[in-house]
Amino acid sequence: MMKWLLLFTLLLWSPLIVFSQDARSIVQKADEKMRGNTSQVEMTIRTVRPAWSREMDIKAWVKGTDYSMILIRSPAKDKGIVFLKRKKEVWNWMPALERTIKLPPSMMSQSWMGTDFTNDDLVKESSIVNDYDHSIIGDTIIDNRNCYIIQMIPKPETAVVWSKVIVWIDKKDYLELHTLFYDEDGKLINTMNAYDIKLMDGRLIPTHFEMIPADKKNQKTEMIYKNVQFNKAIEDNFFITEKMKTLS
């Protein structure tokens, strides 16, 4: 009798288990689509405010989920600033001060270089795959693309910026097209949209992202990919603090 009861329980719960696993694998595929095993990206980041706007030219190197390096190439006053992520450590090289600063976890929720992206959005100290529990809560259509709607809730043991993230991911090509970010009070803070889907180095990806604050009218930050190289070998020892000083 116990054997049959156990079998019935497994059959009852197995669709929910598979459903949860599917949600995680969808997020993982979308994350890997933008990263590859490695990626080297040249981009422009445009910060828009009601009375002004400014642009930064950036180059970024990414290897898996553990390593990333971001170099600011312009404007002149910011040229040579570098951010480095090694696993759970984040470092910042300030050439004007000739100092390397280790950023504490408390700074991950703060604005990255005055934009509407957080430090965590750019250097990705947290992992959207490993630090959250995922569930499919619906589906919809964005720009004629059928999308999963996936809710991500932080695991109890993880310290992350957002208390909830809801993401719309294209079912065919695993493109993250729309994302909502909520704070610990359940308040919507930022909305990210992705569009201008293009073939970059043989891979179909969005090339234009915009982060829009919920409570700041006529304000946003755009991230525009100009060139991407995927799966080009980068040694682990590229991602060291000494390297930050030589990139510019």
C-alpha atoms as a PDB file:
ATOM      1  CA  MET A   1       0.000   0.000   0.000  1.00  0.00           C
ATOM      2  CA  MET A   2       2.818   2.412   0.912  1.00  0.00           C
ATOM      3  CA  LYS A   3       4.492   1.688  -2.431  1.00  0.00           C
ATOM      4  CA  TRP A   4       1.382   2.696  -4.376  1.00  0.00           C
ATOM      5  CA  LEU A   5       0.878   5.764  -2.173  1.00  0.00           C
ATOM      6  CA  LEU A   6       4.446   6.865  -2.865  1.00  0.00           C
ATOM      7  CA  LEU A   7       4.001   6.299  -6.611  1.00  0.00           C
ATOM      8  CA  PHE A   8       0.746   8.300  -6.619  1.00  0.00           C
ATOM      9  CA  THR A   9       2.450  11.165  -4.750  1.00  0.00           C
ATOM     10  CA  LEU A  10       5.327  11.249  -7.234  1.00  0.00           C
ATOM     11  CA  LEU A  11       2.937  11.262 -10.174  1.00  0.00           C
ATOM     12  CA  LEU A  12       0.923  14.045  -8.572  1.00  0.00           C
ATOM     13  CA  TRP A  13       3.932  16.288  -8.000  1.00  0.00           C
ATOM     14  CA  SER A  14       6.104  15.429 -10.998  1.00  0.00           C
ATOM     15  CA  PRO A  15       4.404  17.899 -13.416  1.00  0.00           C
ATOM     16  CA  LEU A  16       5.150  20.713 -10.964  1.00  0.00           C
ATOM     17  CA  ILE A  17       8.771  19.599 -10.610  1.00  0.00           C
ATOM     18  CA  VAL A  18       9.250  19.438 -14.382  1.00  0.00           C
ATOM     19  CA  PHE A  19       7.517  22.804 -14.761  1.00  0.00           C
ATOM     20  CA  SER A  20       9.937  24.377 -12.278  1.00  0.00           C
ATOM     21  CA  GLN A  21      12.956  22.776 -13.937  1.00  0.00           C
ATOM     22  CA  ASP A  22      11.751  24.009 -17.320  1.00  0.00           C
ATOM     23  CA  ALA A  23      11.528  27.590 -16.022  1.00  0.00           C
ATOM     24  CA  ARG A  24      15.112  27.458 -14.762  1.00  0.00           C
ATOM     25  CA  SER A  25      16.401  25.920 -17.989  1.00  0.00           C
ATOM     26  CA  ILE A  26      14.642  28.616 -20.056  1.00  0.00           C
ATOM     27  CA  VAL A  27      16.322  31.370 -18.016  1.00  0.00           C
ATOM     28  CA  GLN A  28      19.652  29.558 -18.308  1.00  0.00           C
ATOM     29  CA  LYS A  29      19.341  29.286 -22.094  1.00  0.00           C
ATOM     30  CA  ALA A  30      18.496  32.994 -22.371  1.00  0.00           C
ATOM     31  CA  ASP A  31      21.459  33.896 -20.157  1.00  0.00           C
ATOM     32  CA  GLU A  32      23.841  31.680 -22.141  1.00  0.00           C
ATOM     33  CA  LYS A  33      22.514  33.112 -25.413  1.00  0.00           C
ATOM     34  CA  MET A  34      23.867  36.561 -24.491  1.00  0.00           C
ATOM     35  CA  ARG A  35      27.125  35.292 -22.964  1.00  0.00           C
ATOM     36  CA  GLY A  36      28.335  32.318 -24.981  1.00  0.00           C
ATOM     37  CA  ASN A  37      31.282  30.531 -23.368  1.00  0.00           C
ATOM     38  CA  THR A  38      33.011  33.896 -23.710  1.00  0.00           C
ATOM     39  CA  SER A  39      31.990  37.199 -25.246  1.00  0.00           C
ATOM     40  CA  GLN A  40      33.716  40.446 -26.150  1.00  0.00           C
ATOM     41  CA  VAL A  41      31.318  43.354 -26.611  1.00  0.00           C
ATOM     42  CA  GLU A  42      31.724  46.919 -27.832  1.00  0.00           C
ATOM     43  CA  MET A  43      28.763  49.077 -26.898  1.00  0.00           C
ATOM     44  CA  THR A  44      27.482  52.577 -26.320  1.00  0.00           C
ATOM     45  CA  ILE A  45      25.637  53.435 -23.112  1.00  0.00           C
ATOM     46  CA  ARG A  46      23.422  56.512 -23.424  1.00  0.00           C
ATOM     47  CA  THR A  47      22.023  58.106 -20.264  1.00  0.00           C
ATOM     48  CA  VAL A  48      18.949  60.275 -20.929  1.00  0.00           C
ATOM     49  CA  ARG A  49      17.640  62.879 -18.494  1.00  0.00           C
ATOM     50  CA  PRO A  50      14.981  65.584 -18.971  1.00  0.00           C
ATOM     51  CA  ALA A  51      17.576  68.351 -19.426  1.00  0.00           C
ATOM     52  CA  TRP A  52      20.600  66.478 -20.796  1.00  0.00           C
ATOM     53  CA  SER A  53      22.021  63.242 -22.127  1.00  0.00           C
ATOM     54  CA  ARG A  54      25.497  61.715 -22.307  1.00  0.00           C
ATOM     55  CA  GLU A  55      27.173  58.730 -23.935  1.00  0.00           C
ATOM     56  CA  MET A  56      29.913  56.338 -22.886  1.00  0.00           C
ATOM     57  CA  ASP A  57      31.765  53.916 -25.142  1.00  0.00           C
ATOM     58  CA  ILE A  58      32.460  50.625 -23.420  1.00  0.00           C
ATOM     59  CA  LYS A  59      34.321  47.413 -24.109  1.00  0.00           C
ATOM     60  CA  ALA A  60      33.504  44.328 -22.049  1.00  0.00           C
ATOM     61  CA  TRP A  61      35.044  40.872 -21.778  1.00  0.00           C
ATOM     62  CA  VAL A  62      32.991  38.059 -20.228  1.00  0.00           C
ATOM     63  CA  LYS A  63      33.919  34.446 -19.491  1.00  0.00           C
ATOM     64  CA  GLY A  64      31.172  32.199 -18.191  1.00  0.00           C
ATOM     65  CA  THR A  65      29.416  33.524 -15.105  1.00  0.00           C
ATOM     66  CA  ASP A  66      32.522  33.977 -12.954  1.00  0.00           C
ATOM     67  CA  TYR A  67      34.581  36.534 -14.854  1.00  0.00           C
ATOM     68  CA  SER A  68      33.933  39.895 -16.481  1.00  0.00           C
ATOM     69  CA  MET A  69      35.911  43.052 -17.222  1.00  0.00           C
ATOM     70  CA  ILE A  70      34.414  46.394 -18.298  1.00  0.00           C
ATOM     71  CA  LEU A  71      36.564  49.209 -19.722  1.00  0.00           C
ATOM     72  CA  ILE A  72      35.264  52.743 -20.281  1.00  0.00           C
ATOM     73  CA  ARG A  73      36.880  54.182 -23.426  1.00  0.00           C
ATOM     74  CA  SER A  74      35.089  57.547 -23.558  1.00  0.00           C
ATOM     75  CA  PRO A  75      34.260  60.303 -22.630  1.00  0.00           C
ATOM     76  CA  ALA A  76      37.713  61.606 -21.779  1.00  0.00           C
ATOM     77  CA  LYS A  77      36.945  62.265 -18.104  1.00  0.00           C
ATOM     78  CA  ASP A  78      35.980  58.611 -17.561  1.00  0.00           C
ATOM     79  CA  LYS A  79      38.463  57.005 -19.961  1.00  0.00           C
ATOM     80  CA  GLY A  80      40.384  54.125 -18.442  1.00  0.00           C
ATOM     81  CA  ILE A  81      37.953  53.369 -15.589  1.00  0.00           C
ATOM     82  CA  VAL A  82      37.681  49.587 -15.269  1.00  0.00           C
ATOM     83  CA  PHE A  83      35.376  47.215 -13.409  1.00  0.00           C
ATOM     84  CA  LEU A  84      36.418  43.615 -12.746  1.00  0.00           C
ATOM     85  CA  LYS A  85      34.355  40.697 -11.476  1.00  0.00           C
ATOM     86  CA  ARG A  86      36.097  37.544 -10.235  1.00  0.00           C
ATOM     87  CA  LYS A  87      33.507  35.102  -8.946  1.00  0.00           C
ATOM     88  CA  LYS A  88      31.835  37.005  -6.071  1.00  0.00           C
ATOM     89  CA  GLU A  89      34.422  39.808  -5.863  1.00  0.00           C
ATOM     90  CA  VAL A  90      34.043  43.113  -7.718  1.00  0.00           C
ATOM     91  CA  TRP A  91      36.873  45.608  -8.190  1.00  0.00           C
ATOM     92  CA  ASN A  92      37.059  49.127  -9.628  1.00  0.00           C
ATOM     93  CA  TRP A  93      40.222  50.777 -11.052  1.00  0.00           C
ATOM     94  CA  MET A  94      40.188  54.582 -10.983  1.00  0.00           C
ATOM     95  CA  PRO A  95      43.099  55.890 -13.115  1.00  0.00           C
ATOM     96  CA  ALA A  96      42.683  59.497 -11.913  1.00  0.00           C
ATOM     97  CA  LEU A  97      43.290  58.310  -8.341  1.00  0.00           C
ATOM     98  CA  GLU A  98      45.609  55.455  -9.338  1.00  0.00           C
ATOM     99  CA  ARG A  99      43.632  53.270  -6.961  1.00  0.00           C
ATOM    100  CA  THR A 100      41.993  49.851  -7.120  1.00  0.00           C
ATOM    101  CA  ILE A 101      38.909  49.659  -4.907  1.00  0.00           C
ATOM    102  CA  LYS A 102      37.062  46.491  -3.886  1.00  0.00           C
ATOM    103  CA  LEU A 103      33.315  47.119  -4.016  1.00  0.00           C
ATOM    104  CA  PRO A 104      31.320  45.718  -1.075  1.00  0.00           C
ATOM    105  CA  PRO A 105      28.078  43.797  -1.710  1.00  0.00           C
ATOM    106  CA  SER A 106      26.141  46.797  -0.341  1.00  0.00           C
ATOM    107  CA  MET A 107      27.157  48.797  -3.436  1.00  0.00           C
ATOM    108  CA  MET A 108      25.635  46.332  -5.914  1.00  0.00           C
ATOM    109  CA  SER A 109      22.240  48.060  -5.740  1.00  0.00           C
ATOM    110  CA  GLN A 110      23.718  51.502  -6.436  1.00  0.00           C
ATOM    111  CA  SER A 111      23.765  53.241  -9.815  1.00  0.00           C
ATOM    112  CA  TRP A 112      26.515  52.192 -12.216  1.00  0.00           C
ATOM    113  CA  MET A 113      28.349  55.343 -13.405  1.00  0.00           C
ATOM    114  CA  GLY A 114      25.253  57.521 -12.945  1.00  0.00           C
ATOM    115  CA  THR A 115      23.075  55.379 -15.243  1.00  0.00           C
ATOM    116  CA  ASP A 116      19.762  53.629 -14.524  1.00  0.00           C
ATOM    117  CA  PHE A 117      21.580  50.288 -14.409  1.00  0.00           C
ATOM    118  CA  THR A 118      22.828  49.070 -11.044  1.00  0.00           C
ATOM    119  CA  ASN A 119      26.359  47.842 -10.419  1.00  0.00           C
ATOM    120  CA  ASP A 120      24.887  44.342 -10.267  1.00  0.00           C
ATOM    121  CA  ASP A 121      23.129  44.760 -13.638  1.00  0.00           C
ATOM    122  CA  LEU A 122      26.470  45.457 -15.307  1.00  0.00           C
ATOM    123  CA  VAL A 123      29.000  43.331 -13.436  1.00  0.00           C
ATOM    124  CA  LYS A 124      26.464  40.661 -12.438  1.00  0.00           C
ATOM    125  CA  GLU A 125      27.706  39.674  -9.007  1.00  0.00           C
ATOM    126  CA  SER A 126      24.446  37.739  -8.579  1.00  0.00           C
ATOM    127  CA  SER A 127      23.368  34.933 -10.908  1.00  0.00           C
ATOM    128  CA  ILE A 128      19.877  34.950 -12.411  1.00  0.00           C
ATOM    129  CA  VAL A 129      20.189  31.176 -12.814  1.00  0.00           C
ATOM    130  CA  ASN A 130      21.631  30.068  -9.461  1.00  0.00           C
ATOM    131  CA  ASP A 131      20.429  32.736  -7.008  1.00  0.00           C
ATOM    132  CA  TYR A 132      16.701  32.582  -7.807  1.00  0.00           C
ATOM    133  CA  ASP A 133      13.829  30.110  -7.833  1.00  0.00           C
ATOM    134  CA  HIS A 134      12.009  30.218 -11.173  1.00  0.00           C
ATOM    135  CA  SER A 135       8.417  29.558 -12.172  1.00  0.00           C
ATOM    136  CA  ILE A 136       6.429  30.005 -15.377  1.00  0.00           C
ATOM    137  CA  ILE A 137       3.428  32.219 -14.605  1.00  0.00           C
ATOM    138  CA  GLY A 138       2.025  32.718 -18.102  1.00  0.00           C
ATOM    139  CA  ASP A 139       2.774  33.509 -21.689  1.00  0.00           C
ATOM    140  CA  THR A 140       2.168  36.370 -24.110  1.00  0.00           C
ATOM    141  CA  ILE A 141       3.256  37.858 -27.437  1.00  0.00           C
ATOM    142  CA  ILE A 142       5.841  40.640 -27.841  1.00  0.00           C
ATOM    143  CA  ASP A 143       6.548  41.938 -31.372  1.00  0.00           C
ATOM    144  CA  ASN A 144       5.004  38.801 -32.902  1.00  0.00           C
ATOM    145  CA  ARG A 145       7.172  36.544 -30.749  1.00  0.00           C
ATOM    146  CA  ASN A 146       5.557  34.036 -28.394  1.00  0.00           C
ATOM    147  CA  CYS A 147       7.080  34.477 -24.938  1.00  0.00           C
ATOM    148  CA  TYR A 148       7.167  32.712 -21.602  1.00  0.00           C
ATOM    149  CA  ILE A 149       6.513  34.916 -18.571  1.00  0.00           C
ATOM    150  CA  ILE A 150       8.813  33.718 -15.792  1.00  0.00           C
ATOM    151  CA  GLN A 151       8.865  34.890 -12.194  1.00  0.00           C
ATOM    152  CA  MET A 152      12.158  34.785 -10.285  1.00  0.00           C
ATOM    153  CA  ILE A 153      12.224  34.935  -6.477  1.00  0.00           C
ATOM    154  CA  PRO A 154      15.579  35.046  -4.620  1.00  0.00           C
ATOM    155  CA  LYS A 155      16.564  31.927  -2.721  1.00  0.00           C
ATOM    156  CA  PRO A 156      16.488  32.537   1.060  1.00  0.00           C
ATOM    157  CA  GLU A 157      20.248  32.135   1.446  1.00  0.00           C
ATOM    158  CA  THR A 158      21.227  34.592  -1.297  1.00  0.00           C
ATOM    159  CA  ALA A 159      21.832  38.326  -0.978  1.00  0.00           C
ATOM    160  CA  VAL A 160      20.611  39.947  -4.195  1.00  0.00           C
ATOM    161  CA  VAL A 161      19.462  43.408  -5.259  1.00  0.00           C
ATOM    162  CA  TRP A 162      15.886  42.556  -6.254  1.00  0.00           C
ATOM    163  CA  SER A 163      13.122  40.866  -4.241  1.00  0.00           C
ATOM    164  CA  LYS A 164      11.377  39.743  -7.431  1.00  0.00           C
ATOM    165  CA  VAL A 165      12.132  39.772 -11.151  1.00  0.00           C
ATOM    166  CA  ILE A 166       9.609  38.972 -13.884  1.00  0.00           C
ATOM    167  CA  VAL A 167      11.031  38.272 -17.326  1.00  0.00           C
ATOM    168  CA  TRP A 168       9.493  37.697 -20.759  1.00  0.00           C
ATOM    169  CA  ILE A 169      11.595  35.218 -22.810  1.00  0.00           C
ATOM    170  CA  ASP A 170      10.984  34.354 -26.457  1.00  0.00           C
ATOM    171  CA  LYS A 171      10.009  30.672 -26.798  1.00  0.00           C
ATOM    172  CA  LYS A 172      11.835  30.083 -30.085  1.00  0.00           C
ATOM    173  CA  ASP A 173      15.167  31.867 -29.760  1.00  0.00           C
ATOM    174  CA  TYR A 174      15.367  32.356 -25.971  1.00  0.00           C
ATOM    175  CA  LEU A 175      15.634  36.134 -26.161  1.00  0.00           C
ATOM    176  CA  GLU A 176      14.976  38.159 -23.014  1.00  0.00           C
ATOM    177  CA  LEU A 177      12.659  40.891 -24.334  1.00  0.00           C
ATOM    178  CA  HIS A 178      11.054  42.506 -21.297  1.00  0.00           C
ATOM    179  CA  THR A 179      11.976  42.500 -17.598  1.00  0.00           C
ATOM    180  CA  LEU A 180      10.456  44.011 -14.452  1.00  0.00           C
ATOM    181  CA  PHE A 181      12.524  44.590 -11.296  1.00  0.00           C
ATOM    182  CA  TYR A 182      10.912  44.920  -7.836  1.00  0.00           C
ATOM    183  CA  ASP A 183      12.325  46.030  -4.472  1.00  0.00           C
ATOM    184  CA  GLU A 184      11.863  44.379  -1.065  1.00  0.00           C
ATOM    185  CA  ASP A 185       8.514  46.152  -0.613  1.00  0.00           C
ATOM    186  CA  GLY A 186       7.174  44.693  -3.855  1.00  0.00           C
ATOM    187  CA  LYS A 187       7.382  48.073  -5.601  1.00  0.00           C
ATOM    188  CA  LEU A 188       8.278  48.182  -9.299  1.00  0.00           C
ATOM    189  CA  ILE A 189      11.623  50.007  -9.631  1.00  0.00           C
ATOM    190  CA  ASN A 190      12.860  49.435 -13.188  1.00  0.00           C
ATOM    191  CA  THR A 191      11.596  48.114 -16.516  1.00  0.00           C
ATOM    192  CA  MET A 192      14.014  46.830 -19.143  1.00  0.00           C
ATOM    193  CA  ASN A 193      13.051  46.441 -22.805  1.00  0.00           C
ATOM    194  CA  ALA A 194      15.138  44.728 -25.491  1.00  0.00           C
ATOM    195  CA  TYR A 195      14.728  45.099 -29.244  1.00  0.00           C
ATOM    196  CA  ASP A 196      16.616  45.595 -32.552  1.00  0.00           C
ATOM    197  CA  ILE A 197      17.172  41.833 -32.855  1.00  0.00           C
ATOM    198  CA  LYS A 198      20.126  41.184 -35.164  1.00  0.00           C
ATOM    199  CA  LEU A 199      22.589  38.478 -36.112  1.00  0.00           C
ATOM    200  CA  MET A 200      25.839  39.245 -34.273  1.00  0.00           C
ATOM    201  CA  ASP A 201      28.787  36.901 -34.863  1.00  0.00           C
ATOM    202  CA  GLY A 202      26.353  34.238 -36.062  1.00  0.00           C
ATOM    203  CA  ARG A 203      24.031  34.546 -33.063  1.00  0.00           C
ATOM    204  CA  LEU A 204      20.575  36.152 -33.027  1.00  0.00           C
ATOM    205  CA  ILE A 205      20.366  38.563 -30.081  1.00  0.00           C
ATOM    206  CA  PRO A 206      18.744  41.859 -29.080  1.00  0.00           C
ATOM    207  CA  THR A 207      21.203  44.695 -29.676  1.00  0.00           C
ATOM    208  CA  HIS A 208      19.367  47.608 -28.039  1.00  0.00           C
ATOM    209  CA  PHE A 209      18.334  47.614 -24.378  1.00  0.00           C
ATOM    210  CA  GLU A 210      16.676  50.370 -22.379  1.00  0.00           C
ATOM    211  CA  MET A 211      16.311  50.584 -18.613  1.00  0.00           C
ATOM    212  CA  ILE A 212      13.436  52.819 -17.521  1.00  0.00           C
ATOM    213  CA  PRO A 213      12.904  53.845 -13.860  1.00  0.00           C
ATOM    214  CA  ALA A 214       9.288  53.559 -12.741  1.00  0.00           C
ATOM    215  CA  ASP A 215       9.138  56.809 -10.789  1.00  0.00           C
ATOM    216  CA  LYS A 216      11.330  59.169 -12.857  1.00  0.00           C
ATOM    217  CA  LYS A 217       9.608  60.791 -15.802  1.00  0.00           C
ATOM    218  CA  ASN A 218      11.514  61.211 -19.090  1.00  0.00           C
ATOM    219  CA  GLN A 219      14.500  59.297 -17.758  1.00  0.00           C
ATOM    220  CA  LYS A 220      16.131  56.134 -19.120  1.00  0.00           C
ATOM    221  CA  THR A 221      19.439  54.513 -20.007  1.00  0.00           C
ATOM    222  CA  GLU A 222      20.070  52.788 -23.329  1.00  0.00           C
ATOM    223  CA  MET A 223      22.655  50.118 -24.048  1.00  0.00           C
ATOM    224  CA  ILE A 224      23.449  49.653 -27.754  1.00  0.00           C
ATOM    225  CA  TYR A 225      25.612  46.754 -28.932  1.00  0.00           C
ATOM    226  CA  LYS A 226      27.914  47.737 -31.822  1.00  0.00           C
ATOM    227  CA  ASN A 227      30.069  44.631 -32.104  1.00  0.00           C
ATOM    228  CA  VAL A 228      30.102  41.219 -30.418  1.00  0.00           C
ATOM    229  CA  GLN A 229      32.514  38.292 -30.647  1.00  0.00           C
ATOM    230  CA  PHE A 230      31.412  35.005 -29.087  1.00  0.00           C
ATOM    231  CA  ASN A 231      33.492  32.040 -27.925  1.00  0.00           C
ATOM    232  CA  LYS A 232      36.889  33.612 -28.559  1.00  0.00           C
ATOM    233  CA  ALA A 233      39.389  32.180 -26.061  1.00  0.00           C
ATOM    234  CA  ILE A 234      40.161  34.354 -23.016  1.00  0.00           C
ATOM    235  CA  GLU A 235      42.522  33.048 -20.340  1.00  0.00           C
ATOM    236  CA  ASP A 236      41.430  33.199 -16.703  1.00  0.00           C
ATOM    237  CA  ASN A 237      44.523  35.264 -15.853  1.00  0.00           C
ATOM    238  CA  PHE A 238      43.174  38.083 -18.037  1.00  0.00           C
ATOM    239  CA  PHE A 239      40.687  38.754 -15.221  1.00  0.00           C
ATOM    240  CA  ILE A 240      43.100  39.986 -12.560  1.00  0.00           C
ATOM    241  CA  THR A 241      43.425  43.349 -10.831  1.00  0.00           C
ATOM    242  CA  GLU A 242      46.872  43.985 -12.369  1.00  0.00           C
ATOM    243  CA  LYS A 243      45.339  43.760 -15.856  1.00  0.00           C
ATOM    244  CA  MET A 244      42.881  46.558 -15.088  1.00  0.00           C
ATOM    245  CA  LYS A 245      45.687  49.120 -15.071  1.00  0.00           C
ATOM    246  CA  THR A 246      46.970  48.184 -18.544  1.00  0.00           C
ATOM    247  CA  LEU A 247      43.735  48.100 -20.598  1.00  0.00           C
ATOM    248  CA  SER A 248      43.585  51.797 -21.442  1.00  0.00           C
END
